[in-house]
């Protein structure tokens, strides 16, 4: 086979490959990302201190709609679970207040808020003294 004929065959194969690649790629969607699903669910607006002391009261609060049921699951360092339920007042404020018991240990305690089907977990440091 002559060199000119080889070059022509290589050129035709290259053009055919490029054409096939172009036809396949042009059928693909512009973005391979899944479409975004809009959500109206905002995060909870919470007021949580960073730390709490043994034998003292701690108060946390959440802002929501008036009359909403609000649940707080408090898990101190000892692991014993306390569930505290309340209802938002006329201004939409849920408030929880309890005394930190020294028998429940020092370290990080977990606060799990569930309000109107939305749950968030936060932590508070339990100390014997500042």
C-alpha atoms as a PDB file:
ATOM      1  CA  UNK A   1       0.000   0.000   0.000  1.00  0.00           C
ATOM      2  CA  UNK A   2       1.311   3.397  -0.971  1.00  0.00           C
ATOM      3  CA  UNK A   3       2.112   6.001   1.740  1.00  0.00           C
ATOM      4  CA  UNK A   4      -0.412   8.470   0.322  1.00  0.00           C
ATOM      5  CA  UNK A   5      -3.156   5.872   0.558  1.00  0.00           C
ATOM      6  CA  UNK A   6      -2.167   5.065   4.220  1.00  0.00           C
ATOM      7  CA  UNK A   7      -2.349   8.744   5.113  1.00  0.00           C
ATOM      8  CA  UNK A   8      -5.778   9.011   3.503  1.00  0.00           C
ATOM      9  CA  UNK A   9      -7.077   6.001   5.444  1.00  0.00           C
ATOM     10  CA  UNK A  10      -5.687   7.364   8.739  1.00  0.00           C
ATOM     11  CA  UNK A  11      -7.263  10.750   7.998  1.00  0.00           C
ATOM     12  CA  UNK A  12     -10.665   9.165   7.210  1.00  0.00           C
ATOM     13  CA  UNK A  13     -10.564   7.015  10.378  1.00  0.00           C
ATOM     14  CA  UNK A  14      -9.677  10.093  12.471  1.00  0.00           C
ATOM     15  CA  UNK A  15     -12.525  12.107  10.926  1.00  0.00           C
ATOM     16  CA  UNK A  16     -14.978   9.236  11.467  1.00  0.00           C
ATOM     17  CA  UNK A  17     -13.880   8.857  15.122  1.00  0.00           C
ATOM     18  CA  UNK A  18     -14.231  12.594  15.740  1.00  0.00           C
ATOM     19  CA  UNK A  19     -17.684  12.606  14.111  1.00  0.00           C
ATOM     20  CA  UNK A  20     -18.872   9.664  16.221  1.00  0.00           C
ATOM     21  CA  UNK A  21     -17.543  11.260  19.423  1.00  0.00           C
ATOM     22  CA  UNK A  22     -19.282  14.531  18.542  1.00  0.00           C
ATOM     23  CA  UNK A  23     -22.659  12.827  17.910  1.00  0.00           C
ATOM     24  CA  UNK A  24     -22.461  10.933  21.214  1.00  0.00           C
ATOM     25  CA  UNK A  25     -21.401  13.944  23.285  1.00  0.00           C
ATOM     26  CA  UNK A  26     -23.947  16.363  21.829  1.00  0.00           C
ATOM     27  CA  UNK A  27     -26.763  14.109  23.066  1.00  0.00           C
ATOM     28  CA  UNK A  28     -25.525  14.312  26.668  1.00  0.00           C
ATOM     29  CA  UNK A  29     -27.224  16.880  28.949  1.00  0.00           C
ATOM     30  CA  UNK A  30     -25.339  20.102  29.493  1.00  0.00           C
ATOM     31  CA  UNK A  31     -24.881  19.325  33.179  1.00  0.00           C
ATOM     32  CA  UNK A  32     -24.344  15.924  34.676  1.00  0.00           C
ATOM     33  CA  UNK A  33     -25.339  17.247  38.111  1.00  0.00           C
ATOM     34  CA  UNK A  34     -28.752  16.178  39.436  1.00  0.00           C
ATOM     35  CA  UNK A  35     -31.313  18.969  39.476  1.00  0.00           C
ATOM     36  CA  UNK A  36     -31.489  20.895  42.729  1.00  0.00           C
ATOM     37  CA  UNK A  37     -34.471  20.280  44.958  1.00  0.00           C
ATOM     38  CA  UNK A  38     -35.487  23.507  46.651  1.00  0.00           C
ATOM     39  CA  UNK A  39     -36.125  23.243  50.378  1.00  0.00           C
ATOM     40  CA  UNK A  40     -37.985  25.671  52.550  1.00  0.00           C
ATOM     41  CA  UNK A  41     -36.604  24.178  55.743  1.00  0.00           C
ATOM     42  CA  UNK A  42     -34.423  26.717  57.523  1.00  0.00           C
ATOM     43  CA  UNK A  43     -32.083  25.728  60.317  1.00  0.00           C
ATOM     44  CA  UNK A  44     -33.220  26.121  63.873  1.00  0.00           C
ATOM     45  CA  UNK A  45     -32.532  29.422  65.646  1.00  0.00           C
ATOM     46  CA  UNK A  46     -31.037  28.337  68.971  1.00  0.00           C
ATOM     47  CA  UNK A  47     -29.505  30.022  71.998  1.00  0.00           C
ATOM     48  CA  UNK A  48     -27.026  27.651  73.686  1.00  0.00           C
ATOM     49  CA  UNK A  49     -24.243  28.503  76.146  1.00  0.00           C
ATOM     50  CA  UNK A  50     -20.814  27.023  75.404  1.00  0.00           C
ATOM     51  CA  UNK A  51     -20.377  25.593  78.881  1.00  0.00           C
ATOM     52  CA  UNK A  52     -22.271  24.821  82.068  1.00  0.00           C
ATOM     53  CA  UNK A  53     -21.186  24.236  85.656  1.00  0.00           C
ATOM     54  CA  UNK A  54     -22.100  21.490  88.089  1.00  0.00           C
ATOM     55  CA  UNK A  55     -24.811  22.449  90.603  1.00  0.00           C
ATOM     56  CA  UNK A  56     -25.921  25.367  88.395  1.00  0.00           C
ATOM     57  CA  UNK A  57     -28.869  25.818  86.107  1.00  0.00           C
ATOM     58  CA  UNK A  58     -28.454  25.886  82.366  1.00  0.00           C
ATOM     59  CA  UNK A  59     -31.024  27.400  80.016  1.00  0.00           C
ATOM     60  CA  UNK A  60     -31.305  26.949  76.270  1.00  0.00           C
ATOM     61  CA  UNK A  61     -33.937  28.311  73.920  1.00  0.00           C
ATOM     62  CA  UNK A  62     -35.193  27.975  70.360  1.00  0.00           C
ATOM     63  CA  UNK A  63     -37.227  30.304  68.147  1.00  0.00           C
ATOM     64  CA  UNK A  64     -40.111  28.813  66.173  1.00  0.00           C
ATOM     65  CA  UNK A  65     -43.802  29.406  65.512  1.00  0.00           C
ATOM     66  CA  UNK A  66     -46.160  29.941  68.458  1.00  0.00           C
ATOM     67  CA  UNK A  67     -47.750  26.728  69.723  1.00  0.00           C
ATOM     68  CA  UNK A  68     -45.110  24.426  68.183  1.00  0.00           C
ATOM     69  CA  UNK A  69     -44.089  21.356  70.192  1.00  0.00           C
ATOM     70  CA  UNK A  70     -40.371  21.451  70.981  1.00  0.00           C
ATOM     71  CA  UNK A  71     -38.343  18.480  72.201  1.00  0.00           C
ATOM     72  CA  UNK A  72     -34.895  18.506  73.771  1.00  0.00           C
ATOM     73  CA  UNK A  73     -32.927  15.358  74.428  1.00  0.00           C
ATOM     74  CA  UNK A  74     -30.107  16.104  76.887  1.00  0.00           C
ATOM     75  CA  UNK A  75     -27.323  13.499  77.065  1.00  0.00           C
ATOM     76  CA  UNK A  76     -24.722  14.405  79.729  1.00  0.00           C
ATOM     77  CA  UNK A  77     -21.191  12.933  79.743  1.00  0.00           C
ATOM     78  CA  UNK A  78     -22.439   9.969  81.811  1.00  0.00           C
ATOM     79  CA  UNK A  79     -24.721   8.971  78.914  1.00  0.00           C
ATOM     80  CA  UNK A  80     -27.995   9.047  80.861  1.00  0.00           C
ATOM     81  CA  UNK A  81     -30.673  10.511  78.579  1.00  0.00           C
ATOM     82  CA  UNK A  82     -33.125  13.202  79.675  1.00  0.00           C
ATOM     83  CA  UNK A  83     -36.034  14.155  77.424  1.00  0.00           C
ATOM     84  CA  UNK A  84     -37.646  17.543  78.030  1.00  0.00           C
ATOM     85  CA  UNK A  85     -40.693  18.647  76.030  1.00  0.00           C
ATOM     86  CA  UNK A  86     -42.200  22.116  75.905  1.00  0.00           C
ATOM     87  CA  UNK A  87     -44.484  24.199  73.700  1.00  0.00           C
ATOM     88  CA  UNK A  88     -43.537  27.505  72.097  1.00  0.00           C
ATOM     89  CA  UNK A  89     -45.118  30.512  73.782  1.00  0.00           C
ATOM     90  CA  UNK A  90     -47.093  33.243  71.994  1.00  0.00           C
ATOM     91  CA  UNK A  91     -43.843  34.811  70.721  1.00  0.00           C
ATOM     92  CA  UNK A  92     -42.620  31.445  69.366  1.00  0.00           C
ATOM     93  CA  UNK A  93     -39.987  30.856  72.052  1.00  0.00           C
ATOM     94  CA  UNK A  94     -39.246  27.395  73.474  1.00  0.00           C
ATOM     95  CA  UNK A  95     -37.201  27.509  76.686  1.00  0.00           C
ATOM     96  CA  UNK A  96     -35.642  24.629  78.590  1.00  0.00           C
ATOM     97  CA  UNK A  97     -34.004  24.987  82.012  1.00  0.00           C
ATOM     98  CA  UNK A  98     -32.497  22.305  84.245  1.00  0.00           C
ATOM     99  CA  UNK A  99     -29.892  21.874  86.964  1.00  0.00           C
ATOM    100  CA  UNK A 100     -26.579  20.251  86.001  1.00  0.00           C
ATOM    101  CA  UNK A 101     -25.906  17.372  88.377  1.00  0.00           C
ATOM    102  CA  UNK A 102     -22.301  16.581  89.288  1.00  0.00           C
ATOM    103  CA  UNK A 103     -23.041  12.832  89.270  1.00  0.00           C
ATOM    104  CA  UNK A 104     -23.473  13.047  85.500  1.00  0.00           C
ATOM    105  CA  UNK A 105     -19.786  13.797  84.955  1.00  0.00           C
ATOM    106  CA  UNK A 106     -17.571  16.366  83.257  1.00  0.00           C
ATOM    107  CA  UNK A 107     -16.987  16.678  79.535  1.00  0.00           C
ATOM    108  CA  UNK A 108     -19.165  17.185  76.469  1.00  0.00           C
ATOM    109  CA  UNK A 109     -22.909  16.820  76.760  1.00  0.00           C
ATOM    110  CA  UNK A 110     -25.136  16.433  73.731  1.00  0.00           C
ATOM    111  CA  UNK A 111     -28.248  18.524  73.081  1.00  0.00           C
ATOM    112  CA  UNK A 112     -30.592  17.102  70.445  1.00  0.00           C
ATOM    113  CA  UNK A 113     -33.344  19.514  69.464  1.00  0.00           C
ATOM    114  CA  UNK A 114     -36.376  18.336  67.503  1.00  0.00           C
ATOM    115  CA  UNK A 115     -38.766  21.075  66.469  1.00  0.00           C
ATOM    116  CA  UNK A 116     -41.448  20.738  63.839  1.00  0.00           C
ATOM    117  CA  UNK A 117     -39.788  17.619  62.403  1.00  0.00           C
ATOM    118  CA  UNK A 118     -36.330  19.214  62.172  1.00  0.00           C
ATOM    119  CA  UNK A 119     -33.543  17.821  64.373  1.00  0.00           C
ATOM    120  CA  UNK A 120     -30.176  19.331  65.181  1.00  0.00           C
ATOM    121  CA  UNK A 121     -27.458  18.113  67.518  1.00  0.00           C
ATOM    122  CA  UNK A 122     -25.239  20.499  69.478  1.00  0.00           C
ATOM    123  CA  UNK A 123     -22.741  20.137  72.301  1.00  0.00           C
ATOM    124  CA  UNK A 124     -22.153  21.925  75.580  1.00  0.00           C
ATOM    125  CA  UNK A 125     -19.130  21.495  77.834  1.00  0.00           C
ATOM    126  CA  UNK A 126     -19.944  20.440  81.396  1.00  0.00           C
ATOM    127  CA  UNK A 127     -17.373  21.611  83.967  1.00  0.00           C
ATOM    128  CA  UNK A 128     -16.910  21.418  87.707  1.00  0.00           C
ATOM    129  CA  UNK A 129     -15.632  25.030  87.726  1.00  0.00           C
ATOM    130  CA  UNK A 130     -14.677  27.806  85.312  1.00  0.00           C
END
